[in-house]
Amino acid sequence: MVFPVVQVGVVAADEDGIGPTLWALTATVAYTPLFARHVRYYLRGVRPPAAGWTFAAMTVVITGALPFSGAYWLPAFFVLAVTALIVLPWRWSLPSVAGLAVAQVPLALALSSDIASAPAYFTLTLLWRTSAVFFPLWLVGAVRQLETARRELAEDAVLRTRLRIESELRNTVGTALASIVARGQRSATLLERDPGAASPELAALVETSRGALADTRRLLSGFHRPSLWAELETAAGLLAAAGVETRLALPAGEPPGVISAEFRAELRSITARLLRDDAARTCLIAVTSADGLVRLRIHLNDRHLASMVVSAS
């Protein structure tokens, strides 16, 4: 917002009379709310509603004030260039900016500016002001999109973990608890009819309870150490969010159990290296299992990148 305010001051300082200043001030007050609205929506990653109409209104205001504000109003056209980059598709925005830059030459000649090499001066002013405003906006927008992708990946990882825990609890602890309830009911019935016959059933109930307790402890221990499948899905999700087309080739059957901290650290190191590689376009993570070992091969852009082996414990 500094540039529009400064431009009104430049018109006031260099144009004769108060008329050009009033025109410049009125036009600035009229278009700056629309410009700020476009910027606010852009930083949220959303196209402004009725963006075409508001862009057209800004064009009418800025262009309409030009004959009355004089040649020093020409740098205000950078607002239209930035807005074009924000609200228009690339196939239209870039030609629009180029057209605005080229238009500075005949406009500067028509308005008879007293600046030396006025066409070149106003053209370069529009280009550097457009760059100075748009590129920081683009960077902030990119950072916010990455933050949104990070939150979505974290939420997705939490959801997958919950589903995995629910499935494992249902298949192990849930089955054991159902067995305990059934044995308990049979034991209660036998105690009423034949207390001597209830002893074997009570012993089996105790053993089932101990097994359920051991399974529960094992599951709780495993939840603190992620499995290979969970690590691979997380790595693939991060690479996909960074724009790398990633494919997992996993073997059929039960996935291996927990993995060592060293293997997990190495896999994360390779993932971080891929995220920093600007040339990364496609990634294939292939997993094979044989003889109690799980072999992991990573291919980047159809070239072999790394191999790892982990025990399928």
C-alpha atoms as a PDB file:
ATOM      1  CA  MET A   1       0.000   0.000   0.000  1.00  0.00           C
ATOM      2  CA  VAL A   2       3.027   2.288   0.156  1.00  0.00           C
ATOM      3  CA  PHE A   3       3.286   2.613  -3.623  1.00  0.00           C
ATOM      4  CA  PRO A   4      -0.267   4.005  -4.191  1.00  0.00           C
ATOM      5  CA  VAL A   5       0.170   6.553  -1.388  1.00  0.00           C
ATOM      6  CA  VAL A   6       3.569   7.622  -2.688  1.00  0.00           C
ATOM      7  CA  GLN A   7       2.145   7.967  -6.196  1.00  0.00           C
ATOM      8  CA  VAL A   8      -0.443  10.501  -5.016  1.00  0.00           C
ATOM      9  CA  GLY A   9       2.388  12.495  -3.424  1.00  0.00           C
ATOM     10  CA  VAL A  10       4.424  12.379  -6.644  1.00  0.00           C
ATOM     11  CA  VAL A  11       1.445  13.680  -8.652  1.00  0.00           C
ATOM     12  CA  ALA A  12       0.927  16.460  -6.090  1.00  0.00           C
ATOM     13  CA  ALA A  13       4.602  17.451  -6.227  1.00  0.00           C
ATOM     14  CA  ASP A  14       5.132  17.394  -9.988  1.00  0.00           C
ATOM     15  CA  GLU A  15       1.793  18.281 -11.610  1.00  0.00           C
ATOM     16  CA  ASP A  16       0.522  21.861 -11.777  1.00  0.00           C
ATOM     17  CA  GLY A  17      -2.616  22.788  -9.838  1.00  0.00           C
ATOM     18  CA  ILE A  18      -4.697  20.849  -7.337  1.00  0.00           C
ATOM     19  CA  GLY A  19      -6.863  19.170  -9.968  1.00  0.00           C
ATOM     20  CA  PRO A  20      -4.468  16.307 -10.858  1.00  0.00           C
ATOM     21  CA  THR A  21      -3.887  15.615  -7.154  1.00  0.00           C
ATOM     22  CA  LEU A  22      -7.622  15.387  -6.427  1.00  0.00           C
ATOM     23  CA  TRP A  23      -8.122  13.017  -9.346  1.00  0.00           C
ATOM     24  CA  ALA A  24      -5.203  10.834  -8.217  1.00  0.00           C
ATOM     25  CA  LEU A  25      -6.416  10.819  -4.605  1.00  0.00           C
ATOM     26  CA  THR A  26     -10.004   9.977  -5.563  1.00  0.00           C
ATOM     27  CA  ALA A  27      -8.917   7.151  -7.858  1.00  0.00           C
ATOM     28  CA  THR A  28      -6.575   5.748  -5.179  1.00  0.00           C
ATOM     29  CA  VAL A  29      -9.328   5.766  -2.557  1.00  0.00           C
ATOM     30  CA  ALA A  30     -11.614   4.007  -5.050  1.00  0.00           C
ATOM     31  CA  TYR A  31      -9.325   1.188  -6.182  1.00  0.00           C
ATOM     32  CA  THR A  32      -7.271   0.342  -3.055  1.00  0.00           C
ATOM     33  CA  PRO A  33     -10.117  -1.524  -1.240  1.00  0.00           C
ATOM     34  CA  LEU A  34     -10.595  -3.715  -4.314  1.00  0.00           C
ATOM     35  CA  PHE A  35      -6.857  -4.286  -4.591  1.00  0.00           C
ATOM     36  CA  ALA A  36      -6.563  -5.195  -0.893  1.00  0.00           C
ATOM     37  CA  ARG A  37      -9.508  -7.597  -1.306  1.00  0.00           C
ATOM     38  CA  HIS A  38      -7.771  -9.382  -4.181  1.00  0.00           C
ATOM     39  CA  VAL A  39      -4.567  -9.714  -2.139  1.00  0.00           C
ATOM     40  CA  ARG A  40      -6.406 -11.021   0.938  1.00  0.00           C
ATOM     41  CA  TYR A  41      -8.184 -13.752  -1.042  1.00  0.00           C
ATOM     42  CA  TYR A  42      -4.979 -14.661  -2.877  1.00  0.00           C
ATOM     43  CA  LEU A  43      -3.075 -15.195   0.371  1.00  0.00           C
ATOM     44  CA  ARG A  44      -5.837 -17.573   1.469  1.00  0.00           C
ATOM     45  CA  GLY A  45      -5.443 -19.526  -1.771  1.00  0.00           C
ATOM     46  CA  VAL A  46      -8.935 -18.617  -2.998  1.00  0.00           C
ATOM     47  CA  ARG A  47     -10.006 -16.751  -6.112  1.00  0.00           C
ATOM     48  CA  PRO A  48     -12.046 -13.653  -5.128  1.00  0.00           C
ATOM     49  CA  PRO A  49     -15.758 -13.798  -5.955  1.00  0.00           C
ATOM     50  CA  ALA A  50     -16.637 -11.661  -8.987  1.00  0.00           C
ATOM     51  CA  ALA A  51     -12.916 -11.135  -9.575  1.00  0.00           C
ATOM     52  CA  GLY A  52     -13.455 -10.289 -13.236  1.00  0.00           C
ATOM     53  CA  TRP A  53     -15.871  -7.481 -12.400  1.00  0.00           C
ATOM     54  CA  THR A  54     -13.680  -5.995  -9.663  1.00  0.00           C
ATOM     55  CA  PHE A  55     -10.641  -6.174 -11.958  1.00  0.00           C
ATOM     56  CA  ALA A  56     -12.617  -4.381 -14.662  1.00  0.00           C
ATOM     57  CA  ALA A  57     -13.728  -1.727 -12.151  1.00  0.00           C
ATOM     58  CA  MET A  58     -10.104  -1.104 -11.106  1.00  0.00           C
ATOM     59  CA  THR A  59      -9.105  -0.826 -14.772  1.00  0.00           C
ATOM     60  CA  VAL A  60     -11.813   1.770 -15.419  1.00  0.00           C
ATOM     61  CA  VAL A  61     -10.849   3.812 -12.330  1.00  0.00           C
ATOM     62  CA  ILE A  62      -7.095   3.848 -12.949  1.00  0.00           C
ATOM     63  CA  THR A  63      -7.356   4.383 -16.708  1.00  0.00           C
ATOM     64  CA  GLY A  64     -10.098   6.995 -16.326  1.00  0.00           C
ATOM     65  CA  ALA A  65      -7.978   9.097 -13.973  1.00  0.00           C
ATOM     66  CA  LEU A  66      -4.964   9.093 -16.299  1.00  0.00           C
ATOM     67  CA  PRO A  67      -5.943  12.021 -18.601  1.00  0.00           C
ATOM     68  CA  PHE A  68      -6.630  14.222 -15.559  1.00  0.00           C
ATOM     69  CA  SER A  69      -3.753  13.158 -13.277  1.00  0.00           C
ATOM     70  CA  GLY A  70      -0.962  13.440 -15.840  1.00  0.00           C
ATOM     71  CA  ALA A  71       2.033  11.302 -16.758  1.00  0.00           C
ATOM     72  CA  TYR A  72       3.103  10.777 -13.162  1.00  0.00           C
ATOM     73  CA  TRP A  73      -0.025   8.643 -12.687  1.00  0.00           C
ATOM     74  CA  LEU A  74       1.350   5.982 -15.058  1.00  0.00           C
ATOM     75  CA  PRO A  75       3.199   3.973 -12.319  1.00  0.00           C
ATOM     76  CA  ALA A  76      -0.211   3.288 -10.726  1.00  0.00           C
ATOM     77  CA  PHE A  77      -0.797   0.761 -13.514  1.00  0.00           C
ATOM     78  CA  PHE A  78       1.380  -1.690 -11.560  1.00  0.00           C
ATOM     79  CA  VAL A  79      -1.736  -2.367  -9.466  1.00  0.00           C
ATOM     80  CA  LEU A  80      -3.474  -3.723 -12.568  1.00  0.00           C
ATOM     81  CA  ALA A  81      -0.416  -5.872 -13.383  1.00  0.00           C
ATOM     82  CA  VAL A  82      -0.340  -7.404  -9.886  1.00  0.00           C
ATOM     83  CA  THR A  83      -4.112  -7.956  -9.940  1.00  0.00           C
ATOM     84  CA  ALA A  84      -3.858  -9.673 -13.311  1.00  0.00           C
ATOM     85  CA  LEU A  85      -1.269 -12.083 -11.900  1.00  0.00           C
ATOM     86  CA  ILE A  86      -3.526 -12.748  -8.904  1.00  0.00           C
ATOM     87  CA  VAL A  87      -6.961 -13.232 -10.474  1.00  0.00           C
ATOM     88  CA  LEU A  88      -6.286 -14.374 -14.039  1.00  0.00           C
ATOM     89  CA  PRO A  89      -4.977 -17.753 -15.275  1.00  0.00           C
ATOM     90  CA  TRP A  90      -1.322 -17.767 -16.324  1.00  0.00           C
ATOM     91  CA  ARG A  91      -2.198 -17.928 -20.025  1.00  0.00           C
ATOM     92  CA  TRP A  92      -3.972 -14.570 -19.634  1.00  0.00           C
ATOM     93  CA  SER A  93      -2.116 -12.885 -16.785  1.00  0.00           C
ATOM     94  CA  LEU A  94       1.365 -12.904 -18.338  1.00  0.00           C
ATOM     95  CA  PRO A  95       0.172 -11.416 -21.684  1.00  0.00           C
ATOM     96  CA  SER A  96      -1.807  -8.834 -19.673  1.00  0.00           C
ATOM     97  CA  VAL A  97       1.315  -7.742 -17.783  1.00  0.00           C
ATOM     98  CA  ALA A  98       3.286  -7.601 -21.020  1.00  0.00           C
ATOM     99  CA  GLY A  99       0.520  -5.530 -22.609  1.00  0.00           C
ATOM    100  CA  LEU A 100       0.502  -3.064 -19.701  1.00  0.00           C
ATOM    101  CA  ALA A 101       4.288  -2.725 -19.925  1.00  0.00           C
ATOM    102  CA  VAL A 102       4.182  -2.078 -23.691  1.00  0.00           C
ATOM    103  CA  ALA A 103       1.314   0.407 -23.269  1.00  0.00           C
ATOM    104  CA  GLN A 104       3.539   2.624 -21.090  1.00  0.00           C
ATOM    105  CA  VAL A 105       5.473   3.728 -24.178  1.00  0.00           C
ATOM    106  CA  PRO A 106       2.647   5.342 -26.206  1.00  0.00           C
ATOM    107  CA  LEU A 107       0.970   6.664 -23.041  1.00  0.00           C
ATOM    108  CA  ALA A 108       4.166   8.381 -21.880  1.00  0.00           C
ATOM    109  CA  LEU A 109       4.624   9.927 -25.333  1.00  0.00           C
ATOM    110  CA  ALA A 110       0.988  11.039 -25.515  1.00  0.00           C
ATOM    111  CA  LEU A 111       1.103  12.721 -22.086  1.00  0.00           C
ATOM    112  CA  SER A 112       4.348  14.582 -22.953  1.00  0.00           C
ATOM    113  CA  SER A 113       6.206  13.753 -19.757  1.00  0.00           C
ATOM    114  CA  ASP A 114       9.198  15.961 -18.924  1.00  0.00           C
ATOM    115  CA  ILE A 115      11.187  12.963 -17.633  1.00  0.00           C
ATOM    116  CA  ALA A 116      14.191  12.022 -19.761  1.00  0.00           C
ATOM    117  CA  SER A 117      13.566   8.736 -21.596  1.00  0.00           C
ATOM    118  CA  ALA A 118      10.038   8.697 -20.170  1.00  0.00           C
ATOM    119  CA  PRO A 119       8.837   5.571 -22.061  1.00  0.00           C
ATOM    120  CA  ALA A 120      11.704   3.453 -20.740  1.00  0.00           C
ATOM    121  CA  TYR A 121      11.411   4.952 -17.241  1.00  0.00           C
ATOM    122  CA  PHE A 122       7.688   4.249 -16.848  1.00  0.00           C
ATOM    123  CA  THR A 123       7.994   0.776 -18.379  1.00  0.00           C
ATOM    124  CA  LEU A 124      10.760  -0.239 -15.974  1.00  0.00           C
ATOM    125  CA  THR A 125       8.894   1.345 -13.034  1.00  0.00           C
ATOM    126  CA  LEU A 126       5.819  -0.750 -13.753  1.00  0.00           C
ATOM    127  CA  LEU A 127       7.874  -3.949 -14.040  1.00  0.00           C
ATOM    128  CA  TRP A 128       9.924  -3.529 -10.880  1.00  0.00           C
ATOM    129  CA  ARG A 129       6.944  -2.436  -8.799  1.00  0.00           C
ATOM    130  CA  THR A 130       4.968  -5.431 -10.042  1.00  0.00           C
ATOM    131  CA  SER A 131       7.833  -7.762  -9.136  1.00  0.00           C
ATOM    132  CA  ALA A 132       8.395  -6.129  -5.744  1.00  0.00           C
ATOM    133  CA  VAL A 133       4.749  -6.668  -4.761  1.00  0.00           C
ATOM    134  CA  PHE A 134       3.776  -9.920  -6.477  1.00  0.00           C
ATOM    135  CA  PHE A 135       6.746 -12.171  -5.630  1.00  0.00           C
ATOM    136  CA  PRO A 136       6.487 -11.693  -1.837  1.00  0.00           C
ATOM    137  CA  LEU A 137       2.754 -12.383  -2.121  1.00  0.00           C
ATOM    138  CA  TRP A 138       3.482 -15.515  -4.144  1.00  0.00           C
ATOM    139  CA  LEU A 139       6.033 -16.727  -1.576  1.00  0.00           C
ATOM    140  CA  VAL A 140       3.652 -16.149   1.337  1.00  0.00           C
ATOM    141  CA  GLY A 141       0.907 -17.988  -0.551  1.00  0.00           C
ATOM    142  CA  ALA A 142       3.250 -20.914  -1.259  1.00  0.00           C
ATOM    143  CA  VAL A 143       4.284 -21.128   2.405  1.00  0.00           C
ATOM    144  CA  ARG A 144       0.641 -21.174   3.492  1.00  0.00           C
ATOM    145  CA  GLN A 145      -0.189 -23.919   0.984  1.00  0.00           C
ATOM    146  CA  LEU A 146       2.700 -26.017   2.316  1.00  0.00           C
ATOM    147  CA  GLU A 147       1.490 -25.462   5.875  1.00  0.00           C
ATOM    148  CA  THR A 148      -2.002 -26.555   4.875  1.00  0.00           C
ATOM    149  CA  ALA A 149      -0.592 -29.670   3.196  1.00  0.00           C
ATOM    150  CA  ARG A 150       1.451 -30.442   6.322  1.00  0.00           C
ATOM    151  CA  ARG A 151      -1.642 -30.207   8.532  1.00  0.00           C
ATOM    152  CA  GLU A 152      -3.628 -32.426   6.165  1.00  0.00           C
ATOM    153  CA  LEU A 153      -0.846 -35.023   6.148  1.00  0.00           C
ATOM    154  CA  ALA A 154      -0.688 -34.958   9.940  1.00  0.00           C
ATOM    155  CA  GLU A 155      -4.452 -35.388  10.214  1.00  0.00           C
ATOM    156  CA  ASP A 156      -4.351 -38.222   7.683  1.00  0.00           C
ATOM    157  CA  ALA A 157      -1.559 -39.951   9.625  1.00  0.00           C
ATOM    158  CA  VAL A 158      -3.571 -39.677  12.854  1.00  0.00           C
ATOM    159  CA  LEU A 159      -6.635 -41.147  11.130  1.00  0.00           C
ATOM    160  CA  ARG A 160      -4.649 -44.062   9.683  1.00  0.00           C
ATOM    161  CA  THR A 161      -3.127 -44.770  13.077  1.00  0.00           C
ATOM    162  CA  ARG A 162      -6.533 -44.778  14.735  1.00  0.00           C
ATOM    163  CA  LEU A 163      -7.930 -47.177  12.147  1.00  0.00           C
ATOM    164  CA  ARG A 164      -4.921 -49.477  12.529  1.00  0.00           C
ATOM    165  CA  ILE A 165      -5.222 -49.485  16.324  1.00  0.00           C
ATOM    166  CA  GLU A 166      -8.942 -50.147  16.111  1.00  0.00           C
ATOM    167  CA  SER A 167      -8.411 -53.066  13.724  1.00  0.00           C
ATOM    168  CA  GLU A 168      -5.668 -54.657  15.825  1.00  0.00           C
ATOM    169  CA  LEU A 169      -7.631 -54.252  19.054  1.00  0.00           C
ATOM    170  CA  ARG A 170     -10.715 -55.798  17.486  1.00  0.00           C
ATOM    171  CA  ASN A 171      -8.788 -58.755  16.063  1.00  0.00           C
ATOM    172  CA  THR A 172      -6.800 -59.550  19.222  1.00  0.00           C
ATOM    173  CA  VAL A 173      -8.052 -58.033  22.441  1.00  0.00           C
ATOM    174  CA  GLY A 174     -11.672 -57.966  21.276  1.00  0.00           C
ATOM    175  CA  THR A 175     -11.640 -61.663  20.447  1.00  0.00           C
ATOM    176  CA  ALA A 176      -9.939 -62.497  23.753  1.00  0.00           C
ATOM    177  CA  LEU A 177     -12.464 -60.485  25.756  1.00  0.00           C
ATOM    178  CA  ALA A 178     -15.357 -62.219  24.005  1.00  0.00           C
ATOM    179  CA  SER A 179     -13.784 -65.562  24.924  1.00  0.00           C
ATOM    180  CA  ILE A 180     -13.331 -64.457  28.543  1.00  0.00           C
ATOM    181  CA  VAL A 181     -16.990 -63.422  28.780  1.00  0.00           C
ATOM    182  CA  ALA A 182     -18.133 -66.768  27.329  1.00  0.00           C
ATOM    183  CA  ARG A 183     -15.906 -68.787  29.669  1.00  0.00           C
ATOM    184  CA  GLY A 184     -16.995 -66.693  32.613  1.00  0.00           C
ATOM    185  CA  GLN A 185     -20.626 -67.393  31.895  1.00  0.00           C
ATOM    186  CA  ARG A 186     -19.960 -71.134  31.552  1.00  0.00           C
ATOM    187  CA  SER A 187     -17.961 -71.133  34.808  1.00  0.00           C
ATOM    188  CA  ALA A 188     -20.800 -69.414  36.653  1.00  0.00           C
ATOM    189  CA  THR A 189     -23.259 -72.001  35.352  1.00  0.00           C
ATOM    190  CA  LEU A 190     -21.003 -74.922  36.329  1.00  0.00           C
ATOM    191  CA  LEU A 191     -20.432 -73.508  39.823  1.00  0.00           C
ATOM    192  CA  GLU A 192     -24.169 -73.643  40.446  1.00  0.00           C
ATOM    193  CA  ARG A 193     -24.590 -77.186  39.073  1.00  0.00           C
ATOM    194  CA  ASP A 194     -21.248 -78.963  39.634  1.00  0.00           C
ATOM    195  CA  PRO A 195     -18.515 -76.971  41.453  1.00  0.00           C
ATOM    196  CA  GLY A 196     -15.933 -79.706  40.800  1.00  0.00           C
ATOM    197  CA  ALA A 197     -16.405 -79.524  37.044  1.00  0.00           C
ATOM    198  CA  ALA A 198     -15.946 -75.760  37.091  1.00  0.00           C
ATOM    199  CA  SER A 199     -12.259 -75.952  38.032  1.00  0.00           C
ATOM    200  CA  PRO A 200     -10.919 -76.710  34.504  1.00  0.00           C
ATOM    201  CA  GLU A 201     -13.098 -73.966  33.058  1.00  0.00           C
ATOM    202  CA  LEU A 202     -11.828 -71.466  35.630  1.00  0.00           C
ATOM    203  CA  ALA A 203      -8.239 -72.450  34.859  1.00  0.00           C
ATOM    204  CA  ALA A 204      -8.863 -71.931  31.143  1.00  0.00           C
ATOM    205  CA  LEU A 205     -10.434 -68.568  31.979  1.00  0.00           C
ATOM    206  CA  VAL A 206      -7.306 -67.536  33.849  1.00  0.00           C
ATOM    207  CA  GLU A 207      -5.056 -68.571  30.952  1.00  0.00           C
ATOM    208  CA  THR A 208      -7.206 -66.707  28.439  1.00  0.00           C
ATOM    209  CA  SER A 209      -7.071 -63.598  30.631  1.00  0.00           C
ATOM    210  CA  ARG A 210      -3.291 -63.800  30.885  1.00  0.00           C
ATOM    211  CA  GLY A 211      -3.021 -64.177  27.109  1.00  0.00           C
ATOM    212  CA  ALA A 212      -5.262 -61.161  26.579  1.00  0.00           C
ATOM    213  CA  LEU A 213      -3.121 -59.125  28.985  1.00  0.00           C
ATOM    214  CA  ALA A 214       0.057 -60.161  27.154  1.00  0.00           C
ATOM    215  CA  ASP A 215      -1.490 -59.260  23.769  1.00  0.00           C
ATOM    216  CA  THR A 216      -2.557 -55.875  25.115  1.00  0.00           C
ATOM    217  CA  ARG A 217       0.947 -55.116  26.406  1.00  0.00           C
ATOM    218  CA  ARG A 218       2.459 -56.186  23.086  1.00  0.00           C
ATOM    219  CA  LEU A 219       0.090 -53.937  21.152  1.00  0.00           C
ATOM    220  CA  LEU A 220       0.768 -50.956  23.400  1.00  0.00           C
ATOM    221  CA  SER A 221       4.506 -51.480  22.969  1.00  0.00           C
ATOM    222  CA  GLY A 222       4.145 -51.724  19.205  1.00  0.00           C
ATOM    223  CA  PHE A 223       2.067 -48.529  18.969  1.00  0.00           C
ATOM    224  CA  HIS A 224       5.107 -46.546  20.166  1.00  0.00           C
ATOM    225  CA  ARG A 225       7.210 -47.946  17.301  1.00  0.00           C
ATOM    226  CA  PRO A 226       5.705 -47.398  13.853  1.00  0.00           C
ATOM    227  CA  SER A 227       5.585 -50.232  11.348  1.00  0.00           C
ATOM    228  CA  LEU A 228       7.333 -50.254   7.990  1.00  0.00           C
ATOM    229  CA  TRP A 229       4.025 -49.796   6.188  1.00  0.00           C
ATOM    230  CA  ALA A 230       3.210 -46.653   8.240  1.00  0.00           C
ATOM    231  CA  GLU A 231       6.655 -45.166   7.560  1.00  0.00           C
ATOM    232  CA  LEU A 232       6.367 -45.825   3.827  1.00  0.00           C
ATOM    233  CA  GLU A 233       2.890 -44.286   3.636  1.00  0.00           C
ATOM    234  CA  THR A 234       4.134 -41.193   5.472  1.00  0.00           C
ATOM    235  CA  ALA A 235       7.133 -40.852   3.130  1.00  0.00           C
ATOM    236  CA  ALA A 236       4.921 -41.270   0.054  1.00  0.00           C
ATOM    237  CA  GLY A 237       2.488 -38.671   1.370  1.00  0.00           C
ATOM    238  CA  LEU A 238       5.238 -36.109   1.964  1.00  0.00           C
ATOM    239  CA  LEU A 239       6.717 -36.648  -1.495  1.00  0.00           C
ATOM    240  CA  ALA A 240       3.305 -36.359  -3.148  1.00  0.00           C
ATOM    241  CA  ALA A 241       2.624 -33.107  -1.283  1.00  0.00           C
ATOM    242  CA  ALA A 242       5.936 -31.759  -2.633  1.00  0.00           C
ATOM    243  CA  GLY A 243       4.860 -32.518  -6.209  1.00  0.00           C
ATOM    244  CA  VAL A 244       6.790 -35.776  -6.681  1.00  0.00           C
ATOM    245  CA  GLU A 245       4.623 -38.468  -8.294  1.00  0.00           C
ATOM    246  CA  THR A 246       5.146 -41.362  -5.878  1.00  0.00           C
ATOM    247  CA  ARG A 247       4.057 -45.010  -6.190  1.00  0.00           C
ATOM    248  CA  LEU A 248       4.289 -47.750  -3.565  1.00  0.00           C
ATOM    249  CA  ALA A 249       4.753 -51.342  -4.795  1.00  0.00           C
ATOM    250  CA  LEU A 250       3.978 -53.511  -1.753  1.00  0.00           C
ATOM    251  CA  PRO A 251       3.871 -57.312  -1.515  1.00  0.00           C
ATOM    252  CA  ALA A 252       0.663 -59.131  -0.689  1.00  0.00           C
ATOM    253  CA  GLY A 253       0.076 -60.636   2.728  1.00  0.00           C
ATOM    254  CA  GLU A 254       0.674 -59.454   6.245  1.00  0.00           C
ATOM    255  CA  PRO A 255       3.005 -56.457   6.637  1.00  0.00           C
ATOM    256  CA  PRO A 256       6.167 -56.871   8.718  1.00  0.00           C
ATOM    257  CA  GLY A 257       6.136 -55.776  12.343  1.00  0.00           C
ATOM    258  CA  VAL A 258       7.927 -52.833  13.905  1.00  0.00           C
ATOM    259  CA  ILE A 259      11.215 -51.622  12.472  1.00  0.00           C
ATOM    260  CA  SER A 260      14.423 -50.483  14.113  1.00  0.00           C
ATOM    261  CA  ALA A 261      15.207 -46.871  14.848  1.00  0.00           C
ATOM    262  CA  GLU A 262      18.254 -47.033  12.555  1.00  0.00           C
ATOM    263  CA  PHE A 263      16.196 -48.197   9.580  1.00  0.00           C
ATOM    264  CA  ARG A 264      13.560 -45.550  10.275  1.00  0.00           C
ATOM    265  CA  ALA A 265      16.221 -42.816  10.460  1.00  0.00           C
ATOM    266  CA  GLU A 266      17.780 -43.937   7.152  1.00  0.00           C
ATOM    267  CA  LEU A 267      14.403 -43.972   5.397  1.00  0.00           C
ATOM    268  CA  ARG A 268      13.587 -40.499   6.686  1.00  0.00           C
ATOM    269  CA  SER A 269      17.009 -39.239   5.598  1.00  0.00           C
ATOM    270  CA  ILE A 270      16.400 -40.467   2.040  1.00  0.00           C
ATOM    271  CA  THR A 271      12.931 -38.883   2.047  1.00  0.00           C
ATOM    272  CA  ALA A 272      14.378 -35.544   3.182  1.00  0.00           C
ATOM    273  CA  ARG A 273      16.999 -35.736   0.422  1.00  0.00           C
ATOM    274  CA  LEU A 274      14.299 -36.331  -2.186  1.00  0.00           C
ATOM    275  CA  LEU A 275      12.270 -33.394  -0.882  1.00  0.00           C
ATOM    276  CA  ARG A 276      15.293 -31.112  -1.406  1.00  0.00           C
ATOM    277  CA  ASP A 277      15.938 -32.432  -4.943  1.00  0.00           C
ATOM    278  CA  ASP A 278      14.426 -29.991  -7.441  1.00  0.00           C
ATOM    279  CA  ALA A 279      14.921 -32.534 -10.251  1.00  0.00           C
ATOM    280  CA  ALA A 280      12.742 -35.159  -8.547  1.00  0.00           C
ATOM    281  CA  ARG A 281       9.679 -35.876 -10.673  1.00  0.00           C
ATOM    282  CA  THR A 282       8.731 -39.523 -10.102  1.00  0.00           C
ATOM    283  CA  CYS A 283       9.553 -41.943  -7.299  1.00  0.00           C
ATOM    284  CA  LEU A 284       8.933 -45.695  -7.012  1.00  0.00           C
ATOM    285  CA  ILE A 285       9.263 -47.417  -3.633  1.00  0.00           C
ATOM    286  CA  ALA A 286       9.284 -51.190  -4.212  1.00  0.00           C
ATOM    287  CA  VAL A 287       9.118 -53.680  -1.338  1.00  0.00           C
ATOM    288  CA  THR A 288       9.802 -57.431  -1.597  1.00  0.00           C
ATOM    289  CA  SER A 289       9.752 -60.031   1.178  1.00  0.00           C
ATOM    290  CA  ALA A 290      11.641 -63.347   1.262  1.00  0.00           C
ATOM    291  CA  ASP A 291      13.461 -65.547   3.798  1.00  0.00           C
ATOM    292  CA  GLY A 292      12.377 -63.402   6.717  1.00  0.00           C
ATOM    293  CA  LEU A 293      13.867 -60.247   5.199  1.00  0.00           C
ATOM    294  CA  VAL A 294      12.156 -57.254   3.651  1.00  0.00           C
ATOM    295  CA  ARG A 295      14.067 -55.549   0.842  1.00  0.00           C
ATOM    296  CA  LEU A 296      13.309 -51.939   0.002  1.00  0.00           C
ATOM    297  CA  ARG A 297      14.347 -50.355  -3.316  1.00  0.00           C
ATOM    298  CA  ILE A 298      13.843 -46.685  -4.168  1.00  0.00           C
ATOM    299  CA  HIS A 299      13.910 -45.480  -7.787  1.00  0.00           C
ATOM    300  CA  LEU A 300      14.035 -41.766  -8.637  1.00  0.00           C
ATOM    301  CA  ASN A 301      13.092 -40.655 -12.153  1.00  0.00           C
ATOM    302  CA  ASP A 302      13.332 -44.326 -13.291  1.00  0.00           C
ATOM    303  CA  ARG A 303      16.879 -44.634 -11.904  1.00  0.00           C
ATOM    304  CA  HIS A 304      17.897 -46.752  -8.908  1.00  0.00           C
ATOM    305  CA  LEU A 305      18.606 -44.508  -5.924  1.00  0.00           C
ATOM    306  CA  ALA A 306      18.948 -46.659  -2.810  1.00  0.00           C
ATOM    307  CA  SER A 307      18.339 -50.125  -1.322  1.00  0.00           C
ATOM    308  CA  MET A 308      17.701 -51.193   2.264  1.00  0.00           C
ATOM    309  CA  VAL A 309      17.070 -54.470   4.056  1.00  0.00           C
ATOM    310  CA  VAL A 310      15.087 -54.909   7.275  1.00  0.00           C
ATOM    311  CA  SER A 311      14.226 -58.023   9.254  1.00  0.00           C
ATOM    312  CA  ALA A 312      10.547 -58.951   8.945  1.00  0.00           C
ATOM    313  CA  SER A 313      10.068 -59.261  12.693  1.00  0.00           C
END
